[in-house]
């Protein structure tokens, strides 16, 4: 899985098999090893984040810090998404 960056023990990454048609730009977040059904965070066109689910059960305080860090790095994330998948669209 393409790792974007880490925040402490949390990996921020893309899941390489994102279905056909390709899902909108988003990242997965897991503590430690990446897993398919981890917390999913959509990236919006404005650079904000929407937590789609918190399947990794990340505590709220830590999740808020993760979301703020992702929002501060959306340009990098979008660029890496398009480089990896060859295209990219937004959830909203």
C-alpha atoms as a PDB file:
ATOM      1  CA  UNK A   1       0.000   0.000   0.000  1.00  0.00           C
ATOM      2  CA  UNK A   2       1.366   3.420  -0.880  1.00  0.00           C
ATOM      3  CA  UNK A   3       2.159   5.160   2.417  1.00  0.00           C
ATOM      4  CA  UNK A   4       1.701   8.929   2.295  1.00  0.00           C
ATOM      5  CA  UNK A   5       3.114   9.720   5.753  1.00  0.00           C
ATOM      6  CA  UNK A   6       2.922   8.718   9.400  1.00  0.00           C
ATOM      7  CA  UNK A   7       1.592  10.567  12.417  1.00  0.00           C
ATOM      8  CA  UNK A   8       3.094   8.822  15.419  1.00  0.00           C
ATOM      9  CA  UNK A   9       1.969   5.183  15.160  1.00  0.00           C
ATOM     10  CA  UNK A  10      -0.741   5.980  12.568  1.00  0.00           C
ATOM     11  CA  UNK A  11      -0.128   5.249   8.888  1.00  0.00           C
ATOM     12  CA  UNK A  12      -1.845   7.480   6.316  1.00  0.00           C
ATOM     13  CA  UNK A  13      -2.025   5.535   3.050  1.00  0.00           C
ATOM     14  CA  UNK A  14      -3.926   4.623  -0.111  1.00  0.00           C
ATOM     15  CA  UNK A  15      -5.361   1.161  -0.578  1.00  0.00           C
ATOM     16  CA  UNK A  16      -3.953   0.012  -3.923  1.00  0.00           C
ATOM     17  CA  UNK A  17      -7.171  -1.717  -5.070  1.00  0.00           C
ATOM     18  CA  UNK A  18      -9.721   1.124  -5.048  1.00  0.00           C
ATOM     19  CA  UNK A  19     -12.339  -0.546  -7.267  1.00  0.00           C
ATOM     20  CA  UNK A  20     -13.619   0.261 -10.741  1.00  0.00           C
ATOM     21  CA  UNK A  21     -14.705   2.949 -11.243  1.00  0.00           C
ATOM     22  CA  UNK A  22     -12.045   4.516  -9.046  1.00  0.00           C
ATOM     23  CA  UNK A  23     -13.399   5.928  -5.797  1.00  0.00           C
ATOM     24  CA  UNK A  24     -13.010   9.657  -5.042  1.00  0.00           C
ATOM     25  CA  UNK A  25      -9.742  10.845  -3.492  1.00  0.00           C
ATOM     26  CA  UNK A  26      -9.371   9.598   0.075  1.00  0.00           C
ATOM     27  CA  UNK A  27      -6.893   8.127   2.525  1.00  0.00           C
ATOM     28  CA  UNK A  28      -7.017   5.268   4.968  1.00  0.00           C
ATOM     29  CA  UNK A  29      -5.683   5.536   8.513  1.00  0.00           C
ATOM     30  CA  UNK A  30      -4.555   2.630  10.674  1.00  0.00           C
ATOM     31  CA  UNK A  31      -2.382   2.229  13.701  1.00  0.00           C
ATOM     32  CA  UNK A  32       0.538   0.111  12.574  1.00  0.00           C
ATOM     33  CA  UNK A  33       0.141  -2.210   9.613  1.00  0.00           C
ATOM     34  CA  UNK A  34      -2.244  -1.045   6.851  1.00  0.00           C
ATOM     35  CA  UNK A  35      -5.506  -2.971   6.628  1.00  0.00           C
ATOM     36  CA  UNK A  36      -8.242  -2.834   3.990  1.00  0.00           C
ATOM     37  CA  UNK A  37     -11.084  -1.810   6.291  1.00  0.00           C
ATOM     38  CA  UNK A  38      -9.335   0.979   8.191  1.00  0.00           C
ATOM     39  CA  UNK A  39     -10.652   4.450   8.955  1.00  0.00           C
ATOM     40  CA  UNK A  40     -11.467   6.230   5.667  1.00  0.00           C
ATOM     41  CA  UNK A  41     -11.217  10.002   5.198  1.00  0.00           C
ATOM     42  CA  UNK A  42     -12.479  11.717   2.037  1.00  0.00           C
ATOM     43  CA  UNK A  43     -10.647  14.755   0.668  1.00  0.00           C
ATOM     44  CA  UNK A  44     -12.981  17.465  -0.614  1.00  0.00           C
ATOM     45  CA  UNK A  45     -12.335  19.818  -3.508  1.00  0.00           C
ATOM     46  CA  UNK A  46     -11.826  22.661  -1.014  1.00  0.00           C
ATOM     47  CA  UNK A  47      -9.102  20.685   0.793  1.00  0.00           C
ATOM     48  CA  UNK A  48     -11.209  19.819   3.810  1.00  0.00           C
ATOM     49  CA  UNK A  49     -11.748  16.299   5.132  1.00  0.00           C
ATOM     50  CA  UNK A  50     -14.831  14.241   5.822  1.00  0.00           C
ATOM     51  CA  UNK A  51     -14.469  11.171   8.024  1.00  0.00           C
ATOM     52  CA  UNK A  52     -16.322   8.491   6.085  1.00  0.00           C
ATOM     53  CA  UNK A  53     -15.905   5.920   8.846  1.00  0.00           C
ATOM     54  CA  UNK A  54     -13.736   5.298  11.879  1.00  0.00           C
ATOM     55  CA  UNK A  55     -13.378   1.549  11.461  1.00  0.00           C
ATOM     56  CA  UNK A  56      -9.963   1.690  13.187  1.00  0.00           C
ATOM     57  CA  UNK A  57     -11.657   3.076  16.332  1.00  0.00           C
ATOM     58  CA  UNK A  58      -9.218   5.951  16.641  1.00  0.00           C
ATOM     59  CA  UNK A  59     -10.017   8.021  19.758  1.00  0.00           C
ATOM     60  CA  UNK A  60     -11.719  11.336  18.902  1.00  0.00           C
ATOM     61  CA  UNK A  61      -8.858  13.553  20.127  1.00  0.00           C
ATOM     62  CA  UNK A  62      -6.298  11.678  18.026  1.00  0.00           C
ATOM     63  CA  UNK A  63      -8.627  11.546  15.022  1.00  0.00           C
ATOM     64  CA  UNK A  64      -9.070  15.341  15.116  1.00  0.00           C
ATOM     65  CA  UNK A  65      -5.278  15.792  15.088  1.00  0.00           C
ATOM     66  CA  UNK A  66      -4.975  13.347  12.175  1.00  0.00           C
ATOM     67  CA  UNK A  67      -7.702  15.158  10.207  1.00  0.00           C
ATOM     68  CA  UNK A  68      -6.006  18.541  10.770  1.00  0.00           C
ATOM     69  CA  UNK A  69      -2.687  17.094   9.598  1.00  0.00           C
ATOM     70  CA  UNK A  70      -4.300  15.592   6.494  1.00  0.00           C
ATOM     71  CA  UNK A  71      -5.999  18.929   5.711  1.00  0.00           C
ATOM     72  CA  UNK A  72      -2.622  20.683   6.003  1.00  0.00           C
ATOM     73  CA  UNK A  73      -1.218  18.242   3.419  1.00  0.00           C
ATOM     74  CA  UNK A  74      -4.074  17.865   0.927  1.00  0.00           C
ATOM     75  CA  UNK A  75      -2.063  19.230  -2.026  1.00  0.00           C
ATOM     76  CA  UNK A  76       0.586  16.539  -1.480  1.00  0.00           C
ATOM     77  CA  UNK A  77      -2.067  13.839  -1.021  1.00  0.00           C
ATOM     78  CA  UNK A  78      -3.950  14.829  -4.187  1.00  0.00           C
ATOM     79  CA  UNK A  79      -0.719  14.904  -6.186  1.00  0.00           C
ATOM     80  CA  UNK A  80       0.341  11.471  -4.911  1.00  0.00           C
ATOM     81  CA  UNK A  81      -3.153  10.066  -5.606  1.00  0.00           C
ATOM     82  CA  UNK A  82      -3.080  11.263  -9.213  1.00  0.00           C
ATOM     83  CA  UNK A  83       0.489   9.994  -9.684  1.00  0.00           C
ATOM     84  CA  UNK A  84      -0.430   6.565  -8.320  1.00  0.00           C
ATOM     85  CA  UNK A  85      -3.910   6.079  -9.826  1.00  0.00           C
ATOM     86  CA  UNK A  86      -3.534   8.267 -12.940  1.00  0.00           C
ATOM     87  CA  UNK A  87      -6.740  10.199 -12.225  1.00  0.00           C
ATOM     88  CA  UNK A  88      -8.665  11.701  -9.363  1.00  0.00           C
ATOM     89  CA  UNK A  89     -12.070  13.123  -8.553  1.00  0.00           C
ATOM     90  CA  UNK A  90     -13.518  14.494  -5.362  1.00  0.00           C
ATOM     91  CA  UNK A  91     -16.311  13.264  -3.078  1.00  0.00           C
ATOM     92  CA  UNK A  92     -17.678  16.820  -3.021  1.00  0.00           C
END
